[in-house]
Amino acid sequence: MNFDMEAFEVAIKQAFVTFADQYPDESAEFAWGELEESLYGNHSALVVDGFGVLSKELFETGGEGHGENVYMVFKLVNGNGTYFFKKEGYYASHYGTDWDGPFSQVTPVERMVTFYE
């Protein structure tokens, strides 16, 4: 299923602000980092009107071959199936994380990796 990514992002932001208003400890201002923390913390899913239920699948920072690039993967479940989306950003220890990278639909792929230690 192809998604209108711009409409999907708008729907996520609207759903998060509505969600945050229900919980005084959350920020009502949308930020990708706030969304990730909310899905990691007390609440495990966010209902996104017209799209389905969004949850956090993975949060990856640094690591071999990543440098300061970071990303998070969200899982969306609806009546048509399960879909995955990746939000990319950049981390600097003196500054924090900027989630200004692309937001795109992705597909999980398993790979075997060999390390020599």
PDB file of N, CA and C in Angstrom:
ATOM      1  N   MET A   1       0.846  -1.178   0.000  1.00  0.00           N
ATOM      2  CA  MET A   1       0.000   0.000   0.000  1.00  0.00           C
ATOM      3  C   MET A   1       0.890   1.239   0.000  1.00  0.00           C
ATOM      4  N   ASN A   2       0.632   2.138  -0.904  1.00  0.00           N
ATOM      5  CA  ASN A   2       1.374   3.394  -0.953  1.00  0.00           C
ATOM      6  C   ASN A   2       0.679   4.437  -0.087  1.00  0.00           C
ATOM      7  N   PHE A   3       1.458   5.172   0.656  1.00  0.00           N
ATOM      8  CA  PHE A   3       0.929   6.182   1.558  1.00  0.00           C
ATOM      9  C   PHE A   3       1.274   7.567   1.043  1.00  0.00           C
ATOM     10  N   ASP A   4       0.361   8.500   1.226  1.00  0.00           N
ATOM     11  CA  ASP A   4       0.652   9.908   1.000  1.00  0.00           C
ATOM     12  C   ASP A   4       1.435  10.343   2.237  1.00  0.00           C
ATOM     13  N   MET A   5       2.765  10.380   2.115  1.00  0.00           N
ATOM     14  CA  MET A   5       3.627  10.609   3.282  1.00  0.00           C
ATOM     15  C   MET A   5       3.369  11.974   3.932  1.00  0.00           C
ATOM     16  N   GLU A   6       3.066  12.979   3.127  1.00  0.00           N
ATOM     17  CA  GLU A   6       2.800  14.303   3.690  1.00  0.00           C
ATOM     18  C   GLU A   6       1.525  14.270   4.545  1.00  0.00           C
ATOM     19  N   ALA A   7       0.475  13.656   4.038  1.00  0.00           N
ATOM     20  CA  ALA A   7      -0.778  13.541   4.792  1.00  0.00           C
ATOM     21  C   ALA A   7      -0.587  12.673   6.031  1.00  0.00           C
ATOM     22  N   PHE A   8       0.222  11.632   5.906  1.00  0.00           N
ATOM     23  CA  PHE A   8       0.488  10.740   7.035  1.00  0.00           C
ATOM     24  C   PHE A   8       1.225  11.492   8.145  1.00  0.00           C
ATOM     25  N   GLU A   9       2.233  12.281   7.786  1.00  0.00           N
ATOM     26  CA  GLU A   9       2.962  13.069   8.785  1.00  0.00           C
ATOM     27  C   GLU A   9       2.035  14.054   9.495  1.00  0.00           C
ATOM     28  N   VAL A  10       1.179  14.726   8.745  1.00  0.00           N
ATOM     29  CA  VAL A  10       0.227  15.669   9.341  1.00  0.00           C
ATOM     30  C   VAL A  10      -0.694  14.938  10.313  1.00  0.00           C
ATOM     31  N   ALA A  11      -1.193  13.768   9.925  1.00  0.00           N
ATOM     32  CA  ALA A  11      -2.081  12.987  10.785  1.00  0.00           C
ATOM     33  C   ALA A  11      -1.365  12.527  12.055  1.00  0.00           C
ATOM     34  N   ILE A  12      -0.088  12.135  11.936  1.00  0.00           N
ATOM     35  CA  ILE A  12       0.691  11.736  13.118  1.00  0.00           C
ATOM     36  C   ILE A  12       0.827  12.916  14.067  1.00  0.00           C
ATOM     37  N   LYS A  13       1.165  14.084  13.544  1.00  0.00           N
ATOM     38  CA  LYS A  13       1.347  15.275  14.379  1.00  0.00           C
ATOM     39  C   LYS A  13       0.048  15.650  15.078  1.00  0.00           C
ATOM     40  N   GLN A  14      -1.081  15.595  14.369  1.00  0.00           N
ATOM     41  CA  GLN A  14      -2.371  15.904  14.973  1.00  0.00           C
ATOM     42  C   GLN A  14      -2.726  14.885  16.056  1.00  0.00           C
ATOM     43  N   ALA A  15      -2.486  13.615  15.784  1.00  0.00           N
ATOM     44  CA  ALA A  15      -2.786  12.566  16.759  1.00  0.00           C
ATOM     45  C   ALA A  15      -1.929  12.727  18.006  1.00  0.00           C
ATOM     46  N   PHE A  16      -0.659  13.093  17.825  1.00  0.00           N
ATOM     47  CA  PHE A  16       0.227  13.250  18.977  1.00  0.00           C
ATOM     48  C   PHE A  16      -0.197  14.418  19.849  1.00  0.00           C
ATOM     49  N   VAL A  17      -0.544  15.543  19.246  1.00  0.00           N
ATOM     50  CA  VAL A  17      -0.968  16.710  20.032  1.00  0.00           C
ATOM     51  C   VAL A  17      -2.231  16.376  20.807  1.00  0.00           C
ATOM     52  N   THR A  18      -3.185  15.683  20.183  1.00  0.00           N
ATOM     53  CA  THR A  18      -4.404  15.253  20.877  1.00  0.00           C
ATOM     54  C   THR A  18      -4.050  14.315  22.019  1.00  0.00           C
ATOM     55  N   PHE A  19      -3.158  13.379  21.759  1.00  0.00           N
ATOM     56  CA  PHE A  19      -2.698  12.404  22.760  1.00  0.00           C
ATOM     57  C   PHE A  19      -2.014  13.117  23.924  1.00  0.00           C
ATOM     58  N   ALA A  20      -1.123  14.058  23.619  1.00  0.00           N
ATOM     59  CA  ALA A  20      -0.352  14.757  24.648  1.00  0.00           C
ATOM     60  C   ALA A  20      -1.253  15.607  25.534  1.00  0.00           C
ATOM     61  N   ASP A  21      -2.314  16.144  24.976  1.00  0.00           N
ATOM     62  CA  ASP A  21      -3.257  16.940  25.771  1.00  0.00           C
ATOM     63  C   ASP A  21      -3.921  16.106  26.858  1.00  0.00           C
ATOM     64  N   GLN A  22      -4.019  14.789  26.646  1.00  0.00           N
ATOM     65  CA  GLN A  22      -4.658  13.898  27.618  1.00  0.00           C
ATOM     66  C   GLN A  22      -3.739  13.557  28.780  1.00  0.00           C
ATOM     67  N   TYR A  23      -2.437  13.777  28.623  1.00  0.00           N
ATOM     68  CA  TYR A  23      -1.464  13.412  29.636  1.00  0.00           C
ATOM     69  C   TYR A  23      -0.618  14.633  29.988  1.00  0.00           C
ATOM     70  N   PRO A  24      -0.830  15.220  31.152  1.00  0.00           N
ATOM     71  CA  PRO A  24      -0.137  16.474  31.489  1.00  0.00           C
ATOM     72  C   PRO A  24       1.388  16.376  31.499  1.00  0.00           C
ATOM     73  N   ASP A  25       1.958  15.185  31.619  1.00  0.00           N
ATOM     74  CA  ASP A  25       3.417  15.072  31.661  1.00  0.00           C
ATOM     75  C   ASP A  25       4.030  15.073  30.259  1.00  0.00           C
ATOM     76  N   GLU A  26       3.217  15.062  29.219  1.00  0.00           N
ATOM     77  CA  GLU A  26       3.712  15.071  27.846  1.00  0.00           C
ATOM     78  C   GLU A  26       3.653  16.489  27.287  1.00  0.00           C
ATOM     79  N   SER A  27       4.518  16.786  26.334  1.00  0.00           N
ATOM     80  CA  SER A  27       4.493  18.079  25.652  1.00  0.00           C
ATOM     81  C   SER A  27       3.418  18.048  24.576  1.00  0.00           C
ATOM     82  N   ALA A  28       2.596  19.087  24.501  1.00  0.00           N
ATOM     83  CA  ALA A  28       1.562  19.153  23.475  1.00  0.00           C
ATOM     84  C   ALA A  28       2.135  19.661  22.153  1.00  0.00           C
ATOM     85  N   GLU A  29       3.391  20.064  22.157  1.00  0.00           N
ATOM     86  CA  GLU A  29       4.038  20.503  20.919  1.00  0.00           C
ATOM     87  C   GLU A  29       4.704  19.293  20.283  1.00  0.00           C
ATOM     88  N   PHE A  30       4.425  19.062  19.002  1.00  0.00           N
ATOM     89  CA  PHE A  30       4.961  17.877  18.350  1.00  0.00           C
ATOM     90  C   PHE A  30       6.455  17.997  18.110  1.00  0.00           C
ATOM     91  N   ALA A  31       7.151  16.915  18.400  1.00  0.00           N
ATOM     92  CA  ALA A  31       8.561  16.746  18.054  1.00  0.00           C
ATOM     93  C   ALA A  31       8.772  15.246  17.910  1.00  0.00           C
ATOM     94  N   TRP A  32       9.562  14.840  16.926  1.00  0.00           N
ATOM     95  CA  TRP A  32       9.790  13.403  16.709  1.00  0.00           C
ATOM     96  C   TRP A  32      10.352  12.738  17.956  1.00  0.00           C
ATOM     97  N   GLY A  33      11.253  13.427  18.660  1.00  0.00           N
ATOM     98  CA  GLY A  33      11.818  12.867  19.886  1.00  0.00           C
ATOM     99  C   GLY A  33      10.768  12.668  20.962  1.00  0.00           C
ATOM    100  N   GLU A  34       9.827  13.599  21.080  1.00  0.00           N
ATOM    101  CA  GLU A  34       8.729  13.474  22.045  1.00  0.00           C
ATOM    102  C   GLU A  34       7.848  12.275  21.696  1.00  0.00           C
ATOM    103  N   LEU A  35       7.578  12.105  20.409  1.00  0.00           N
ATOM    104  CA  LEU A  35       6.767  10.963  19.976  1.00  0.00           C
ATOM    105  C   LEU A  35       7.463   9.659  20.332  1.00  0.00           C
ATOM    106  N   GLU A  36       8.751   9.567  20.029  1.00  0.00           N
ATOM    107  CA  GLU A  36       9.518   8.345  20.329  1.00  0.00           C
ATOM    108  C   GLU A  36       9.501   8.055  21.819  1.00  0.00           C
ATOM    109  N   GLU A  37       9.731   9.063  22.647  1.00  0.00           N
ATOM    110  CA  GLU A  37       9.737   8.869  24.100  1.00  0.00           C
ATOM    111  C   GLU A  37       8.367   8.450  24.611  1.00  0.00           C
ATOM    112  N   SER A  38       7.307   9.034  24.067  1.00  0.00           N
ATOM    113  CA  SER A  38       5.952   8.685  24.499  1.00  0.00           C
ATOM    114  C   SER A  38       5.619   7.248  24.152  1.00  0.00           C
ATOM    115  N   LEU A  39       6.019   6.805  22.969  1.00  0.00           N
ATOM    116  CA  LEU A  39       5.731   5.425  22.577  1.00  0.00           C
ATOM    117  C   LEU A  39       6.614   4.443  23.326  1.00  0.00           C
ATOM    118  N   TYR A  40       7.740   4.898  23.817  1.00  0.00           N
ATOM    119  CA  TYR A  40       8.639   4.041  24.586  1.00  0.00           C
ATOM    120  C   TYR A  40       8.214   3.980  26.046  1.00  0.00           C
ATOM    121  N   GLY A  41       7.706   5.091  26.545  1.00  0.00           N
ATOM    122  CA  GLY A  41       7.392   5.214  27.964  1.00  0.00           C
ATOM    123  C   GLY A  41       6.100   4.529  28.360  1.00  0.00           C
ATOM    124  N   ASN A  42       5.217   5.304  28.922  1.00  0.00           N
ATOM    125  CA  ASN A  42       3.992   4.780  29.515  1.00  0.00           C
ATOM    126  C   ASN A  42       2.999   4.229  28.494  1.00  0.00           C
ATOM    127  N   HIS A  43       3.082   4.664  27.285  1.00  0.00           N
ATOM    128  CA  HIS A  43       2.071   4.352  26.294  1.00  0.00           C
ATOM    129  C   HIS A  43       2.731   3.657  25.109  1.00  0.00           C
ATOM    130  N   SER A  44       2.097   2.620  24.611  1.00  0.00           N
ATOM    131  CA  SER A  44       2.775   1.835  23.593  1.00  0.00           C
ATOM    132  C   SER A  44       2.267   2.061  22.175  1.00  0.00           C
ATOM    133  N   ALA A  45       1.198   2.846  21.996  1.00  0.00           N
ATOM    134  CA  ALA A  45       0.657   3.027  20.657  1.00  0.00           C
ATOM    135  C   ALA A  45      -0.063   4.363  20.550  1.00  0.00           C
ATOM    136  N   LEU A  46      -0.199   4.827  19.326  1.00  0.00           N
ATOM    137  CA  LEU A  46      -0.875   6.081  19.022  1.00  0.00           C
ATOM    138  C   LEU A  46      -1.842   5.815  17.875  1.00  0.00           C
ATOM    139  N   VAL A  47      -3.114   6.137  18.078  1.00  0.00           N
ATOM    140  CA  VAL A  47      -4.108   5.954  17.026  1.00  0.00           C
ATOM    141  C   VAL A  47      -4.024   7.155  16.086  1.00  0.00           C
ATOM    142  N   VAL A  48      -3.737   6.891  14.824  1.00  0.00           N
ATOM    143  CA  VAL A  48      -3.611   7.935  13.807  1.00  0.00           C
ATOM    144  C   VAL A  48      -4.843   7.844  12.904  1.00  0.00           C
ATOM    145  N   ASP A  49      -5.753   8.818  13.052  1.00  0.00           N
ATOM    146  CA  ASP A  49      -7.014   8.793  12.314  1.00  0.00           C
ATOM    147  C   ASP A  49      -6.794   8.610  10.821  1.00  0.00           C
ATOM    148  N   GLY A  50      -7.533   7.666  10.252  1.00  0.00           N
ATOM    149  CA  GLY A  50      -7.472   7.422   8.820  1.00  0.00           C
ATOM    150  C   GLY A  50      -6.325   6.534   8.384  1.00  0.00           C
ATOM    151  N   PHE A  51      -5.419   6.178   9.315  1.00  0.00           N
ATOM    152  CA  PHE A  51      -4.242   5.382   8.941  1.00  0.00           C
ATOM    153  C   PHE A  51      -4.123   4.095   9.738  1.00  0.00           C
ATOM    154  N   GLY A  52      -4.338   4.140  11.056  1.00  0.00           N
ATOM    155  CA  GLY A  52      -4.203   2.943  11.874  1.00  0.00           C
ATOM    156  C   GLY A  52      -3.531   3.236  13.193  1.00  0.00           C
ATOM    157  N   VAL A  53      -2.949   2.197  13.781  1.00  0.00           N
ATOM    158  CA  VAL A  53      -2.306   2.295  15.093  1.00  0.00           C
ATOM    159  C   VAL A  53      -0.795   2.279  14.892  1.00  0.00           C
ATOM    160  N   LEU A  54      -0.140   3.331  15.398  1.00  0.00           N
ATOM    161  CA  LEU A  54       1.301   3.503  15.240  1.00  0.00           C
ATOM    162  C   LEU A  54       2.002   3.134  16.532  1.00  0.00           C
ATOM    163  N   SER A  55       3.067   2.353  16.432  1.00  0.00           N
ATOM    164  CA  SER A  55       3.887   2.024  17.601  1.00  0.00           C
ATOM    165  C   SER A  55       5.357   2.100  17.200  1.00  0.00           C
ATOM    166  N   LYS A  56       6.222   2.184  18.212  1.00  0.00           N
ATOM    167  CA  LYS A  56       7.658   2.242  17.918  1.00  0.00           C
ATOM    168  C   LYS A  56       8.184   0.823  17.760  1.00  0.00           C
ATOM    169  N   GLU A  57       8.938   0.601  16.720  1.00  0.00           N
ATOM    170  CA  GLU A  57       9.521  -0.709  16.457  1.00  0.00           C
ATOM    171  C   GLU A  57      10.987  -0.743  16.873  1.00  0.00           C
ATOM    172  N   LEU A  58      11.734   0.327  16.589  1.00  0.00           N
ATOM    173  CA  LEU A  58      13.173   0.320  16.798  1.00  0.00           C
ATOM    174  C   LEU A  58      13.679   1.746  16.929  1.00  0.00           C
ATOM    175  N   PHE A  59      14.708   1.915  17.752  1.00  0.00           N
ATOM    176  CA  PHE A  59      15.413   3.190  17.845  1.00  0.00           C
ATOM    177  C   PHE A  59      16.885   2.853  17.759  1.00  0.00           C
ATOM    178  N   GLU A  60      17.578   3.350  16.755  1.00  0.00           N
ATOM    179  CA  GLU A  60      18.978   2.992  16.517  1.00  0.00           C
ATOM    180  C   GLU A  60      19.847   4.233  16.580  1.00  0.00           C
ATOM    181  N   THR A  61      20.885   4.166  17.383  1.00  0.00           N
ATOM    182  CA  THR A  61      21.830   5.283  17.455  1.00  0.00           C
ATOM    183  C   THR A  61      23.221   4.784  17.135  1.00  0.00           C
ATOM    184  N   GLY A  62      23.907   5.519  16.296  1.00  0.00           N
ATOM    185  CA  GLY A  62      25.307   5.214  15.999  1.00  0.00           C
ATOM    186  C   GLY A  62      25.525   3.780  15.579  1.00  0.00           C
ATOM    187  N   GLY A  63      26.632   3.219  16.038  1.00  0.00           N
ATOM    188  CA  GLY A  63      26.957   1.849  15.691  1.00  0.00           C
ATOM    189  C   GLY A  63      27.857   1.776  14.483  1.00  0.00           C
ATOM    190  N   GLU A  64      28.303   0.599  14.190  1.00  0.00           N
ATOM    191  CA  GLU A  64      29.236   0.403  13.090  1.00  0.00           C
ATOM    192  C   GLU A  64      28.631   0.872  11.767  1.00  0.00           C
ATOM    193  N   GLY A  65      29.351   1.743  11.097  1.00  0.00           N
ATOM    194  CA  GLY A  65      28.904   2.250   9.814  1.00  0.00           C
ATOM    195  C   GLY A  65      27.858   3.346   9.884  1.00  0.00           C
ATOM    196  N   HIS A  66      27.452   3.743  11.086  1.00  0.00           N
ATOM    197  CA  HIS A  66      26.398   4.748  11.218  1.00  0.00           C
ATOM    198  C   HIS A  66      26.941   6.142  11.519  1.00  0.00           C
ATOM    199  N   GLY A  67      28.102   6.253  12.145  1.00  0.00           N
ATOM    200  CA  GLY A  67      28.597   7.561  12.551  1.00  0.00           C
ATOM    201  C   GLY A  67      27.639   8.205  13.511  1.00  0.00           C
ATOM    202  N   GLU A  68      27.285   9.443  13.279  1.00  0.00           N
ATOM    203  CA  GLU A  68      26.349  10.146  14.145  1.00  0.00           C
ATOM    204  C   GLU A  68      24.922  10.087  13.626  1.00  0.00           C
ATOM    205  N   ASN A  69      24.691   9.324  12.583  1.00  0.00           N
ATOM    206  CA  ASN A  69      23.335   9.192  12.058  1.00  0.00           C
ATOM    207  C   ASN A  69      22.497   8.342  13.009  1.00  0.00           C
ATOM    208  N   VAL A  70      21.268   8.750  13.212  1.00  0.00           N
ATOM    209  CA  VAL A  70      20.333   7.994  14.047  1.00  0.00           C
ATOM    210  C   VAL A  70      19.034   7.825  13.264  1.00  0.00           C
ATOM    211  N   TYR A  71      18.266   6.841  13.658  1.00  0.00           N
ATOM    212  CA  TYR A  71      16.950   6.686  13.058  1.00  0.00           C
ATOM    213  C   TYR A  71      16.044   5.921  13.999  1.00  0.00           C
ATOM    214  N   MET A  72      14.748   6.067  13.752  1.00  0.00           N
ATOM    215  CA  MET A  72      13.774   5.274  14.475  1.00  0.00           C
ATOM    216  C   MET A  72      12.797   4.698  13.464  1.00  0.00           C
ATOM    217  N   VAL A  73      12.294   3.535  13.777  1.00  0.00           N
ATOM    218  CA  VAL A  73      11.348   2.858  12.902  1.00  0.00           C
ATOM    219  C   VAL A  73      10.039   2.709  13.658  1.00  0.00           C
ATOM    220  N   PHE A  74       8.968   3.065  12.970  1.00  0.00           N
ATOM    221  CA  PHE A  74       7.628   2.932  13.528  1.00  0.00           C
ATOM    222  C   PHE A  74       6.882   1.852  12.771  1.00  0.00           C
ATOM    223  N   LYS A  75       5.983   1.175  13.478  1.00  0.00           N
ATOM    224  CA  LYS A  75       5.143   0.147  12.862  1.00  0.00           C
ATOM    225  C   LYS A  75       3.712   0.673  12.852  1.00  0.00           C
ATOM    226  N   LEU A  76       3.048   0.558  11.710  1.00  0.00           N
ATOM    227  CA  LEU A  76       1.654   0.956  11.574  1.00  0.00           C
ATOM    228  C   LEU A  76       0.845  -0.287  11.253  1.00  0.00           C
ATOM    229  N   VAL A  77      -0.207  -0.521  12.022  1.00  0.00           N
ATOM    230  CA  VAL A  77      -1.084  -1.656  11.786  1.00  0.00           C
ATOM    231  C   VAL A  77      -2.483  -1.108  11.495  1.00  0.00           C
ATOM    232  N   ASN A  78      -3.071  -1.589  10.400  1.00  0.00           N
ATOM    233  CA  ASN A  78      -4.451  -1.235  10.093  1.00  0.00           C
ATOM    234  C   ASN A  78      -5.125  -2.439   9.447  1.00  0.00           C
ATOM    235  N   GLY A  79      -6.330  -2.265   8.969  1.00  0.00           N
ATOM    236  CA  GLY A  79      -7.089  -3.371   8.387  1.00  0.00           C
ATOM    237  C   GLY A  79      -6.474  -3.946   7.127  1.00  0.00           C
ATOM    238  N   ASN A  80      -5.535  -3.234   6.525  1.00  0.00           N
ATOM    239  CA  ASN A  80      -4.894  -3.715   5.295  1.00  0.00           C
ATOM    240  C   ASN A  80      -3.578  -4.435   5.528  1.00  0.00           C
ATOM    241  N   GLY A  81      -3.011  -4.343   6.745  1.00  0.00           N
ATOM    242  CA  GLY A  81      -1.747  -5.012   7.008  1.00  0.00           C
ATOM    243  C   GLY A  81      -0.868  -4.259   7.977  1.00  0.00           C
ATOM    244  N   THR A  82       0.416  -4.597   7.951  1.00  0.00           N
ATOM    245  CA  THR A  82       1.423  -3.984   8.807  1.00  0.00           C
ATOM    246  C   THR A  82       2.454  -3.306   7.918  1.00  0.00           C
ATOM    247  N   TYR A  83       2.793  -2.065   8.270  1.00  0.00           N
ATOM    248  CA  TYR A  83       3.708  -1.268   7.470  1.00  0.00           C
ATOM    249  C   TYR A  83       4.756  -0.649   8.388  1.00  0.00           C
ATOM    250  N   PHE A  84       5.926  -0.352   7.830  1.00  0.00           N
ATOM    251  CA  PHE A  84       7.018   0.206   8.612  1.00  0.00           C
ATOM    252  C   PHE A  84       7.477   1.522   7.995  1.00  0.00           C
ATOM    253  N   PHE A  85       7.860   2.463   8.879  1.00  0.00           N
ATOM    254  CA  PHE A  85       8.286   3.793   8.453  1.00  0.00           C
ATOM    255  C   PHE A  85       9.528   4.189   9.232  1.00  0.00           C
ATOM    256  N   LYS A  86      10.429   4.858   8.563  1.00  0.00           N
ATOM    257  CA  LYS A  86      11.714   5.233   9.157  1.00  0.00           C
ATOM    258  C   LYS A  86      11.842   6.755   9.178  1.00  0.00           C
ATOM    259  N   LYS A  87      12.215   7.290  10.345  1.00  0.00           N
ATOM    260  CA  LYS A  87      12.514   8.713  10.481  1.00  0.00           C
ATOM    261  C   LYS A  87      13.994   8.834  10.789  1.00  0.00           C
ATOM    262  N   GLU A  88      14.716   9.616   9.975  1.00  0.00           N
ATOM    263  CA  GLU A  88      16.154   9.749  10.132  1.00  0.00           C
ATOM    264  C   GLU A  88      16.525  11.076  10.767  1.00  0.00           C
ATOM    265  N   GLY A  89      17.664  11.065  11.463  1.00  0.00           N
ATOM    266  CA  GLY A  89      18.156  12.271  12.106  1.00  0.00           C
ATOM    267  C   GLY A  89      19.660  12.215  12.293  1.00  0.00           C
ATOM    268  N   TYR A  90      20.143  13.132  13.109  1.00  0.00           N
ATOM    269  CA  TYR A  90      21.574  13.280  13.348  1.00  0.00           C
ATOM    270  C   TYR A  90      21.786  13.581  14.828  1.00  0.00           C
ATOM    271  N   TYR A  91      22.780  12.940  15.440  1.00  0.00           N
ATOM    272  CA  TYR A  91      23.076  13.137  16.857  1.00  0.00           C
ATOM    273  C   TYR A  91      24.469  13.711  17.039  1.00  0.00           C
ATOM    274  N   ALA A  92      24.580  14.704  17.921  1.00  0.00           N
ATOM    275  CA  ALA A  92      25.874  15.253  18.329  1.00  0.00           C
ATOM    276  C   ALA A  92      25.859  15.341  19.855  1.00  0.00           C
ATOM    277  N   SER A  93      26.897  14.831  20.495  1.00  0.00           N
ATOM    278  CA  SER A  93      26.919  14.760  21.957  1.00  0.00           C
ATOM    279  C   SER A  93      26.794  16.129  22.626  1.00  0.00           C
ATOM    280  N   HIS A  94      27.295  17.163  21.991  1.00  0.00           N
ATOM    281  CA  HIS A  94      27.242  18.502  22.579  1.00  0.00           C
ATOM    282  C   HIS A  94      25.942  19.240  22.272  1.00  0.00           C
ATOM    283  N   TYR A  95      25.115  18.668  21.393  1.00  0.00           N
ATOM    284  CA  TYR A  95      23.933  19.374  20.923  1.00  0.00           C
ATOM    285  C   TYR A  95      22.641  18.590  21.135  1.00  0.00           C
ATOM    286  N   GLY A  96      22.684  17.294  20.951  1.00  0.00           N
ATOM    287  CA  GLY A  96      21.481  16.467  21.032  1.00  0.00           C
ATOM    288  C   GLY A  96      21.139  15.907  19.663  1.00  0.00           C
ATOM    289  N   THR A  97      19.865  15.600  19.469  1.00  0.00           N
ATOM    290  CA  THR A  97      19.418  14.971  18.230  1.00  0.00           C
ATOM    291  C   THR A  97      18.516  15.897  17.433  1.00  0.00           C
ATOM    292  N   ASP A  98      18.787  16.006  16.152  1.00  0.00           N
ATOM    293  CA  ASP A  98      17.913  16.702  15.207  1.00  0.00           C
ATOM    294  C   ASP A  98      17.221  15.642  14.365  1.00  0.00           C
ATOM    295  N   TRP A  99      15.896  15.667  14.351  1.00  0.00           N
ATOM    296  CA  TRP A  99      15.134  14.721  13.539  1.00  0.00           C
ATOM    297  C   TRP A  99      14.686  15.411  12.257  1.00  0.00           C
ATOM    298  N   ASP A 100      15.644  15.973  11.525  1.00  0.00           N
ATOM    299  CA  ASP A 100      15.319  16.723  10.321  1.00  0.00           C
ATOM    300  C   ASP A 100      15.529  15.914   9.043  1.00  0.00           C
ATOM    301  N   GLY A 101      15.785  14.630   9.182  1.00  0.00           N
ATOM    302  CA  GLY A 101      15.973  13.777   8.012  1.00  0.00           C
ATOM    303  C   GLY A 101      14.655  13.315   7.428  1.00  0.00           C
ATOM    304  N   PRO A 102      14.720  12.523   6.377  1.00  0.00           N
ATOM    305  CA  PRO A 102      13.495  12.080   5.699  1.00  0.00           C
ATOM    306  C   PRO A 102      12.662  11.126   6.548  1.00  0.00           C
ATOM    307  N   PHE A 103      11.383  11.075   6.249  1.00  0.00           N
ATOM    308  CA  PHE A 103      10.426  10.130   6.822  1.00  0.00           C
ATOM    309  C   PHE A 103       9.918   9.320   5.643  1.00  0.00           C
ATOM    310  N   SER A 104      10.169   8.010   5.655  1.00  0.00           N
ATOM    311  CA  SER A 104       9.841   7.205   4.479  1.00  0.00           C
ATOM    312  C   SER A 104       9.337   5.825   4.873  1.00  0.00           C
ATOM    313  N   GLN A 105       8.617   5.211   3.953  1.00  0.00           N
ATOM    314  CA  GLN A 105       8.149   3.847   4.157  1.00  0.00           C
ATOM    315  C   GLN A 105       9.301   2.899   3.862  1.00  0.00           C
ATOM    316  N   VAL A 106       9.481   1.891   4.714  1.00  0.00           N
ATOM    317  CA  VAL A 106      10.567   0.931   4.555  1.00  0.00           C
ATOM    318  C   VAL A 106      10.033  -0.491   4.707  1.00  0.00           C
ATOM    319  N   THR A 107      10.871  -1.437   4.336  1.00  0.00           N
ATOM    320  CA  THR A 107      10.538  -2.860   4.463  1.00  0.00           C
ATOM    321  C   THR A 107      11.633  -3.541   5.277  1.00  0.00           C
ATOM    322  N   PRO A 108      11.260  -4.337   6.292  1.00  0.00           N
ATOM    323  CA  PRO A 108      12.294  -5.051   7.049  1.00  0.00           C
ATOM    324  C   PRO A 108      13.004  -6.081   6.169  1.00  0.00           C
ATOM    325  N   VAL A 109      14.331  -6.123   6.286  1.00  0.00           N
ATOM    326  CA  VAL A 109      15.147  -7.073   5.542  1.00  0.00           C
ATOM    327  C   VAL A 109      16.140  -7.685   6.522  1.00  0.00           C
ATOM    328  N   GLU A 110      16.184  -9.002   6.590  1.00  0.00           N
ATOM    329  CA  GLU A 110      17.152  -9.665   7.450  1.00  0.00           C
ATOM    330  C   GLU A 110      18.425  -9.890   6.668  1.00  0.00           C
ATOM    331  N   ARG A 111      19.579  -9.654   7.346  1.00  0.00           N
ATOM    332  CA  ARG A 111      20.893  -9.872   6.711  1.00  0.00           C
ATOM    333  C   ARG A 111      21.793 -10.598   7.699  1.00  0.00           C
ATOM    334  N   MET A 112      22.616 -11.465   7.176  1.00  0.00           N
ATOM    335  CA  MET A 112      23.595 -12.125   8.013  1.00  0.00           C
ATOM    336  C   MET A 112      24.888 -11.310   7.920  1.00  0.00           C
ATOM    337  N   VAL A 113      25.476 -11.018   9.072  1.00  0.00           N
ATOM    338  CA  VAL A 113      26.689 -10.218   9.124  1.00  0.00           C
ATOM    339  C   VAL A 113      27.785 -11.023   9.801  1.00  0.00           C
ATOM    340  N   THR A 114      28.991 -10.989   9.255  1.00  0.00           N
ATOM    341  CA  THR A 114      30.135 -11.685   9.851  1.00  0.00           C
ATOM    342  C   THR A 114      31.090 -10.661  10.436  1.00  0.00           C
ATOM    343  N   PHE A 115      31.493 -10.864  11.675  1.00  0.00           N
ATOM    344  CA  PHE A 115      32.479 -10.012  12.335  1.00  0.00           C
ATOM    345  C   PHE A 115      33.718 -10.855  12.617  1.00  0.00           C
ATOM    346  N   TYR A 116      34.889 -10.262  12.500  1.00  0.00           N
ATOM    347  CA  TYR A 116      36.146 -10.928  12.832  1.00  0.00           C
ATOM    348  C   TYR A 116      36.762 -10.181  13.986  1.00  0.00           C
ATOM    349  N   GLU A 117      36.886 -10.839  15.110  1.00  0.00           N
ATOM    350  CA  GLU A 117      37.382 -10.164  16.313  1.00  0.00           C
ATOM    351  C   GLU A 117      38.614 -10.859  16.852  1.00  0.00           C
TER     352      GLU A 117
END
